[in-house]
Amino acid sequence: MIRAIVLDFDGLILDTETALITAYGDVHAAHGRPFDRTGLLRAVGHSELAFDPWHAFGPGADRDALEVERRARNHVRDLELPVLPGVVALLDEARRLGLHVGLASNSSRAHCTQHLSRVGLLERFGFLACNGETPLPKPAPDLYRRVLEHFRLRGFEAIAFEDSHTGSLAAKRANLWCVAVPGLTTVDHDFRHVDRQVVSLADCSLADLMTEFSQ
């Protein structure tokens, strides 16, 4: 029986990943440097991949100054981000069905809570597991296991919603059901291991998923 849903944050609730990549591009354009958007796209959602987003500036570049500029541009873009389609409806349905709602994110707690508060969704979550609060980030299962432990559930009693290969691997390694919702930056990721893939959360019916995953 399904008793909880667990959502990823970046790329699933807000498209912060596109905002991040665009902010890097903004800095490159401002300094007349070529931007390896494809390389950064590959690194999104893959914490194990090493990628230097400032390599076009050369080894002598002041990367700290570039990061300050990127963060400023990123912040402006983040403040304009809307909640992605289907998120609110999914949370509304979870409330009607009496399900626990958790969040498992490779981002910091400050990052997640700031954004969730801004869009009025923080109170919808009964528990948050964020980067730095478990021994390992995704694709390890630790964040999902932390959520399960809080709600005193087993993996098969929860459905995870993820937009990346890395996140979906973490969910499956913790034995959750997993629905993949690829975004613009993760549409080419490998999701062969998930239980369902949809274009948008707006295409999801929790009642239908609960029936399917409870059989």
C-alpha atoms as a PDB file:
ATOM      1  CA  MET A   1       0.000   0.000   0.000  1.00  0.00           C
ATOM      2  CA  ILE A   2       1.306   3.452  -0.950  1.00  0.00           C
ATOM      3  CA  ARG A   3       1.522   5.772   2.049  1.00  0.00           C
ATOM      4  CA  ALA A   4       3.864   8.543   0.894  1.00  0.00           C
ATOM      5  CA  ILE A   5       5.273  10.474  -2.013  1.00  0.00           C
ATOM      6  CA  VAL A   6       8.799  11.885  -2.104  1.00  0.00           C
ATOM      7  CA  LEU A   7       9.739  14.648  -4.509  1.00  0.00           C
ATOM      8  CA  ASP A   8      13.065  15.818  -5.832  1.00  0.00           C
ATOM      9  CA  PHE A   9      13.448  19.602  -5.921  1.00  0.00           C
ATOM     10  CA  ASP A  10      15.630  21.074  -8.681  1.00  0.00           C
ATOM     11  CA  GLY A  11      14.147  20.398 -12.096  1.00  0.00           C
ATOM     12  CA  LEU A  12      10.996  18.846 -10.667  1.00  0.00           C
ATOM     13  CA  ILE A  13       9.359  21.555  -8.542  1.00  0.00           C
ATOM     14  CA  LEU A  14      11.212  24.545  -9.998  1.00  0.00           C
ATOM     15  CA  ASP A  15      13.385  24.591 -13.113  1.00  0.00           C
ATOM     16  CA  THR A  16      16.383  25.936 -11.222  1.00  0.00           C
ATOM     17  CA  GLU A  17      18.680  23.859 -13.417  1.00  0.00           C
ATOM     18  CA  THR A  18      17.862  25.812 -16.575  1.00  0.00           C
ATOM     19  CA  ALA A  19      18.202  29.054 -14.589  1.00  0.00           C
ATOM     20  CA  LEU A  20      21.635  27.920 -13.371  1.00  0.00           C
ATOM     21  CA  ILE A  21      22.869  27.009 -16.842  1.00  0.00           C
ATOM     22  CA  THR A  22      21.499  30.234 -18.341  1.00  0.00           C
ATOM     23  CA  ALA A  23      23.256  32.274 -15.625  1.00  0.00           C
ATOM     24  CA  TYR A  24      26.569  30.663 -16.565  1.00  0.00           C
ATOM     25  CA  GLY A  25      25.828  31.550 -20.171  1.00  0.00           C
ATOM     26  CA  ASP A  26      25.052  35.136 -19.173  1.00  0.00           C
ATOM     27  CA  VAL A  27      28.489  35.526 -17.570  1.00  0.00           C
ATOM     28  CA  HIS A  28      30.269  34.011 -20.561  1.00  0.00           C
ATOM     29  CA  ALA A  29      28.398  36.326 -22.932  1.00  0.00           C
ATOM     30  CA  ALA A  30      29.161  39.397 -20.794  1.00  0.00           C
ATOM     31  CA  HIS A  31      32.890  38.605 -21.056  1.00  0.00           C
ATOM     32  CA  GLY A  32      32.836  37.542 -24.702  1.00  0.00           C
ATOM     33  CA  ARG A  33      33.739  33.936 -23.971  1.00  0.00           C
ATOM     34  CA  PRO A  34      32.354  30.807 -25.671  1.00  0.00           C
ATOM     35  CA  PHE A  35      30.041  28.799 -23.443  1.00  0.00           C
ATOM     36  CA  ASP A  36      30.094  24.995 -23.388  1.00  0.00           C
ATOM     37  CA  ARG A  37      26.373  24.605 -22.720  1.00  0.00           C
ATOM     38  CA  THR A  38      26.414  20.980 -23.864  1.00  0.00           C
ATOM     39  CA  GLY A  39      29.125  20.063 -21.372  1.00  0.00           C
ATOM     40  CA  LEU A  40      27.295  21.692 -18.495  1.00  0.00           C
ATOM     41  CA  LEU A  41      24.042  20.042 -19.552  1.00  0.00           C
ATOM     42  CA  ARG A  42      25.741  16.649 -19.320  1.00  0.00           C
ATOM     43  CA  ALA A  43      26.913  17.430 -15.788  1.00  0.00           C
ATOM     44  CA  VAL A  44      23.463  18.449 -14.509  1.00  0.00           C
ATOM     45  CA  GLY A  45      22.067  15.743 -12.250  1.00  0.00           C
ATOM     46  CA  HIS A  46      25.318  13.771 -12.321  1.00  0.00           C
ATOM     47  CA  SER A  47      27.151  14.590  -9.092  1.00  0.00           C
ATOM     48  CA  GLU A  48      29.926  12.148 -10.031  1.00  0.00           C
ATOM     49  CA  LEU A  49      30.904  14.056 -13.205  1.00  0.00           C
ATOM     50  CA  ALA A  50      33.736  16.573 -12.964  1.00  0.00           C
ATOM     51  CA  PHE A  51      33.169  19.627 -15.147  1.00  0.00           C
ATOM     52  CA  ASP A  52      34.816  23.052 -15.004  1.00  0.00           C
ATOM     53  CA  PRO A  53      32.200  25.572 -16.170  1.00  0.00           C
ATOM     54  CA  TRP A  54      34.855  28.287 -16.363  1.00  0.00           C
ATOM     55  CA  HIS A  55      37.408  26.493 -18.561  1.00  0.00           C
ATOM     56  CA  ALA A  56      36.842  28.985 -21.408  1.00  0.00           C
ATOM     57  CA  PHE A  57      38.343  31.708 -19.202  1.00  0.00           C
ATOM     58  CA  GLY A  58      41.664  29.886 -18.903  1.00  0.00           C
ATOM     59  CA  PRO A  59      43.712  28.711 -15.917  1.00  0.00           C
ATOM     60  CA  GLY A  60      44.477  32.231 -14.705  1.00  0.00           C
ATOM     61  CA  ALA A  61      40.839  33.320 -14.346  1.00  0.00           C
ATOM     62  CA  ASP A  62      39.514  34.570 -11.027  1.00  0.00           C
ATOM     63  CA  ARG A  63      36.942  31.810 -10.563  1.00  0.00           C
ATOM     64  CA  ASP A  64      35.765  33.216  -7.243  1.00  0.00           C
ATOM     65  CA  ALA A  65      34.849  36.516  -8.908  1.00  0.00           C
ATOM     66  CA  LEU A  66      33.143  34.701 -11.767  1.00  0.00           C
ATOM     67  CA  GLU A  67      31.105  32.682  -9.264  1.00  0.00           C
ATOM     68  CA  VAL A  68      30.029  35.862  -7.480  1.00  0.00           C
ATOM     69  CA  GLU A  69      28.824  37.262 -10.792  1.00  0.00           C
ATOM     70  CA  ARG A  70      27.103  33.999 -11.701  1.00  0.00           C
ATOM     71  CA  ARG A  71      25.311  33.802  -8.349  1.00  0.00           C
ATOM     72  CA  ALA A  72      24.015  37.352  -8.706  1.00  0.00           C
ATOM     73  CA  ARG A  73      22.629  36.655 -12.169  1.00  0.00           C
ATOM     74  CA  ASN A  74      21.309  33.277 -11.006  1.00  0.00           C
ATOM     75  CA  HIS A  75      19.493  34.860  -8.062  1.00  0.00           C
ATOM     76  CA  VAL A  76      17.634  37.261 -10.335  1.00  0.00           C
ATOM     77  CA  ARG A  77      16.562  34.438 -12.620  1.00  0.00           C
ATOM     78  CA  ASP A  78      15.540  32.213  -9.696  1.00  0.00           C
ATOM     79  CA  LEU A  79      13.178  34.863  -8.341  1.00  0.00           C
ATOM     80  CA  GLU A  80      11.242  34.706 -11.604  1.00  0.00           C
ATOM     81  CA  LEU A  81      10.823  30.926 -11.657  1.00  0.00           C
ATOM     82  CA  PRO A  82       7.248  29.597 -11.533  1.00  0.00           C
ATOM     83  CA  VAL A  83       6.263  26.268 -10.012  1.00  0.00           C
ATOM     84  CA  LEU A  84       6.395  23.635 -12.741  1.00  0.00           C
ATOM     85  CA  PRO A  85       3.128  22.247 -14.178  1.00  0.00           C
ATOM     86  CA  GLY A  86       1.324  19.650 -12.095  1.00  0.00           C
ATOM     87  CA  VAL A  87       3.259  20.149  -8.857  1.00  0.00           C
ATOM     88  CA  VAL A  88       0.515  21.892  -6.895  1.00  0.00           C
ATOM     89  CA  ALA A  89      -2.170  19.512  -8.187  1.00  0.00           C
ATOM     90  CA  LEU A  90      -0.013  16.536  -7.148  1.00  0.00           C
ATOM     91  CA  LEU A  91       0.450  17.954  -3.648  1.00  0.00           C
ATOM     92  CA  ASP A  92      -3.271  18.710  -3.410  1.00  0.00           C
ATOM     93  CA  GLU A  93      -4.119  15.140  -4.368  1.00  0.00           C
ATOM     94  CA  ALA A  94      -1.600  13.761  -1.859  1.00  0.00           C
ATOM     95  CA  ARG A  95      -3.290  15.800   0.864  1.00  0.00           C
ATOM     96  CA  ARG A  96      -6.751  14.525  -0.150  1.00  0.00           C
ATOM     97  CA  LEU A  97      -5.487  10.949  -0.119  1.00  0.00           C
ATOM     98  CA  GLY A  98      -3.863  11.360   3.285  1.00  0.00           C
ATOM     99  CA  LEU A  99      -0.335  10.615   2.073  1.00  0.00           C
ATOM    100  CA  HIS A 100       2.888  11.701   3.720  1.00  0.00           C
ATOM    101  CA  VAL A 101       4.885  14.129   1.576  1.00  0.00           C
ATOM    102  CA  GLY A 102       8.674  14.259   1.703  1.00  0.00           C
ATOM    103  CA  LEU A 103      11.459  15.898  -0.237  1.00  0.00           C
ATOM    104  CA  ALA A 104      14.850  14.379  -1.104  1.00  0.00           C
ATOM    105  CA  SER A 105      17.313  16.784  -2.704  1.00  0.00           C
ATOM    106  CA  ASN A 106      21.008  16.977  -3.515  1.00  0.00           C
ATOM    107  CA  SER A 107      20.734  20.725  -2.885  1.00  0.00           C
ATOM    108  CA  SER A 108      21.197  22.380   0.496  1.00  0.00           C
ATOM    109  CA  ARG A 109      18.373  22.822   2.981  1.00  0.00           C
ATOM    110  CA  ALA A 110      18.749  26.606   2.730  1.00  0.00           C
ATOM    111  CA  HIS A 111      18.332  26.453  -1.052  1.00  0.00           C
ATOM    112  CA  CYS A 112      15.239  24.255  -0.888  1.00  0.00           C
ATOM    113  CA  THR A 113      13.493  26.030   1.971  1.00  0.00           C
ATOM    114  CA  GLN A 114      14.127  29.482   0.516  1.00  0.00           C
ATOM    115  CA  HIS A 115      12.514  28.559  -2.785  1.00  0.00           C
ATOM    116  CA  LEU A 116       9.684  26.519  -1.270  1.00  0.00           C
ATOM    117  CA  SER A 117       8.847  29.391   1.058  1.00  0.00           C
ATOM    118  CA  ARG A 118       8.863  31.887  -1.809  1.00  0.00           C
ATOM    119  CA  VAL A 119       6.309  29.882  -3.797  1.00  0.00           C
ATOM    120  CA  GLY A 120       4.216  28.989  -0.744  1.00  0.00           C
ATOM    121  CA  LEU A 121       4.858  25.237  -0.749  1.00  0.00           C
ATOM    122  CA  LEU A 122       7.129  24.656   2.250  1.00  0.00           C
ATOM    123  CA  GLU A 123       4.262  23.773   4.594  1.00  0.00           C
ATOM    124  CA  ARG A 124       3.138  21.036   2.194  1.00  0.00           C
ATOM    125  CA  PHE A 125       6.157  18.899   3.094  1.00  0.00           C
ATOM    126  CA  GLY A 126       6.223  16.798   6.226  1.00  0.00           C
ATOM    127  CA  PHE A 127       9.960  16.164   6.032  1.00  0.00           C
ATOM    128  CA  LEU A 128      12.954  17.349   4.016  1.00  0.00           C
ATOM    129  CA  ALA A 129      16.201  15.429   3.469  1.00  0.00           C
ATOM    130  CA  CYS A 130      18.850  17.651   1.874  1.00  0.00           C
ATOM    131  CA  ASN A 131      22.472  17.625   0.831  1.00  0.00           C
ATOM    132  CA  GLY A 132      24.913  17.241   3.716  1.00  0.00           C
ATOM    133  CA  GLU A 133      22.394  15.559   6.003  1.00  0.00           C
ATOM    134  CA  THR A 134      23.289  11.987   4.999  1.00  0.00           C
ATOM    135  CA  PRO A 135      26.626  10.224   4.449  1.00  0.00           C
ATOM    136  CA  LEU A 136      26.261  10.317   0.662  1.00  0.00           C
ATOM    137  CA  PRO A 137      24.205  12.313  -1.871  1.00  0.00           C
ATOM    138  CA  LYS A 138      22.294  10.806  -4.777  1.00  0.00           C
ATOM    139  CA  PRO A 139      22.823   8.447  -6.592  1.00  0.00           C
ATOM    140  CA  ALA A 140      23.329   6.755  -3.218  1.00  0.00           C
ATOM    141  CA  PRO A 141      19.999   5.851  -1.579  1.00  0.00           C
ATOM    142  CA  ASP A 142      20.788   7.668   1.691  1.00  0.00           C
ATOM    143  CA  LEU A 143      18.513  10.702   1.244  1.00  0.00           C
ATOM    144  CA  TYR A 144      15.538   8.535   0.368  1.00  0.00           C
ATOM    145  CA  ARG A 145      16.246   6.197   3.254  1.00  0.00           C
ATOM    146  CA  ARG A 146      16.299   9.195   5.603  1.00  0.00           C
ATOM    147  CA  VAL A 147      12.814  10.180   4.447  1.00  0.00           C
ATOM    148  CA  LEU A 148      11.552   6.621   4.799  1.00  0.00           C
ATOM    149  CA  GLU A 149      12.992   6.343   8.299  1.00  0.00           C
ATOM    150  CA  HIS A 150      11.290   9.576   9.341  1.00  0.00           C
ATOM    151  CA  PHE A 151       7.886   8.364   8.155  1.00  0.00           C
ATOM    152  CA  ARG A 152       8.592   4.803   9.384  1.00  0.00           C
ATOM    153  CA  LEU A 153       7.929   3.327   5.965  1.00  0.00           C
ATOM    154  CA  ARG A 154       9.435   0.708   3.716  1.00  0.00           C
ATOM    155  CA  GLY A 155      10.535   1.601   0.199  1.00  0.00           C
ATOM    156  CA  PHE A 156       7.629  -0.041  -1.599  1.00  0.00           C
ATOM    157  CA  GLU A 157       5.214   2.105   0.417  1.00  0.00           C
ATOM    158  CA  ALA A 158       6.380   5.315  -1.270  1.00  0.00           C
ATOM    159  CA  ILE A 159       6.530   6.807  -4.758  1.00  0.00           C
ATOM    160  CA  ALA A 160       9.472   8.997  -5.765  1.00  0.00           C
ATOM    161  CA  PHE A 161       9.248  11.671  -8.442  1.00  0.00           C
ATOM    162  CA  GLU A 162      12.545  12.510 -10.117  1.00  0.00           C
ATOM    163  CA  ASP A 163      13.757  14.391 -13.189  1.00  0.00           C
ATOM    164  CA  SER A 164      17.298  12.983 -13.475  1.00  0.00           C
ATOM    165  CA  HIS A 165      19.122   9.703 -13.966  1.00  0.00           C
ATOM    166  CA  THR A 166      21.058  10.223 -10.737  1.00  0.00           C
ATOM    167  CA  GLY A 167      17.982  10.941  -8.637  1.00  0.00           C
ATOM    168  CA  SER A 168      15.952   8.098 -10.071  1.00  0.00           C
ATOM    169  CA  LEU A 169      18.808   5.667  -9.373  1.00  0.00           C
ATOM    170  CA  ALA A 170      18.848   6.814  -5.755  1.00  0.00           C
ATOM    171  CA  ALA A 171      15.110   6.230  -5.443  1.00  0.00           C
ATOM    172  CA  LYS A 172      15.266   2.748  -6.935  1.00  0.00           C
ATOM    173  CA  ARG A 173      18.277   1.830  -4.776  1.00  0.00           C
ATOM    174  CA  ALA A 174      16.133   2.704  -1.756  1.00  0.00           C
ATOM    175  CA  ASN A 175      13.405   0.418  -3.183  1.00  0.00           C
ATOM    176  CA  LEU A 176      10.853   3.165  -3.862  1.00  0.00           C
ATOM    177  CA  TRP A 177       8.572   3.182  -6.839  1.00  0.00           C
ATOM    178  CA  CYS A 178       9.876   5.857  -9.195  1.00  0.00           C
ATOM    179  CA  VAL A 179       8.188   8.124 -11.721  1.00  0.00           C
ATOM    180  CA  ALA A 180      10.596   9.999 -14.000  1.00  0.00           C
ATOM    181  CA  VAL A 181       9.634  13.479 -15.200  1.00  0.00           C
ATOM    182  CA  PRO A 182      12.519  14.628 -17.439  1.00  0.00           C
ATOM    183  CA  GLY A 183      13.062  18.354 -17.822  1.00  0.00           C
ATOM    184  CA  LEU A 184      14.742  20.398 -20.530  1.00  0.00           C
ATOM    185  CA  THR A 185      18.172  19.630 -19.099  1.00  0.00           C
ATOM    186  CA  THR A 186      17.585  15.914 -18.433  1.00  0.00           C
ATOM    187  CA  VAL A 187      15.446  14.770 -21.342  1.00  0.00           C
ATOM    188  CA  ASP A 188      18.330  12.665 -22.708  1.00  0.00           C
ATOM    189  CA  HIS A 189      19.038  10.864 -19.410  1.00  0.00           C
ATOM    190  CA  ASP A 190      18.675   7.089 -19.128  1.00  0.00           C
ATOM    191  CA  PHE A 191      15.437   6.181 -17.333  1.00  0.00           C
ATOM    192  CA  ARG A 192      15.154   2.515 -18.275  1.00  0.00           C
ATOM    193  CA  HIS A 193      15.183   1.515 -14.602  1.00  0.00           C
ATOM    194  CA  VAL A 194      12.150   3.583 -13.501  1.00  0.00           C
ATOM    195  CA  ASP A 195       8.580   2.339 -13.103  1.00  0.00           C
ATOM    196  CA  ARG A 196       6.883   5.074 -15.115  1.00  0.00           C
ATOM    197  CA  GLN A 197       8.024   8.019 -17.245  1.00  0.00           C
ATOM    198  CA  VAL A 198       5.790  11.001 -17.982  1.00  0.00           C
ATOM    199  CA  VAL A 199       6.223  14.284 -19.823  1.00  0.00           C
ATOM    200  CA  SER A 200       4.912  16.387 -16.953  1.00  0.00           C
ATOM    201  CA  LEU A 201       3.572  15.995 -13.435  1.00  0.00           C
ATOM    202  CA  ALA A 202       0.352  17.361 -14.909  1.00  0.00           C
ATOM    203  CA  ASP A 203       0.031  13.951 -16.587  1.00  0.00           C
ATOM    204  CA  CYS A 204       0.066  12.125 -13.231  1.00  0.00           C
ATOM    205  CA  SER A 205      -2.864  10.822 -11.250  1.00  0.00           C
ATOM    206  CA  LEU A 206      -1.766   9.703  -7.803  1.00  0.00           C
ATOM    207  CA  ALA A 207      -4.849   7.565  -7.424  1.00  0.00           C
ATOM    208  CA  ASP A 208      -3.978   5.710 -10.643  1.00  0.00           C
ATOM    209  CA  LEU A 209      -0.327   5.324  -9.622  1.00  0.00           C
ATOM    210  CA  MET A 210      -1.313   3.998  -6.228  1.00  0.00           C
ATOM    211  CA  THR A 211      -3.559   1.413  -7.850  1.00  0.00           C
ATOM    212  CA  GLU A 212      -0.846   0.397 -10.325  1.00  0.00           C
ATOM    213  CA  PHE A 213       1.952   0.167  -7.750  1.00  0.00           C
ATOM    214  CA  SER A 214      -0.154  -1.614  -5.152  1.00  0.00           C
ATOM    215  CA  GLN A 215      -0.910  -4.597  -7.378  1.00  0.00           C
END
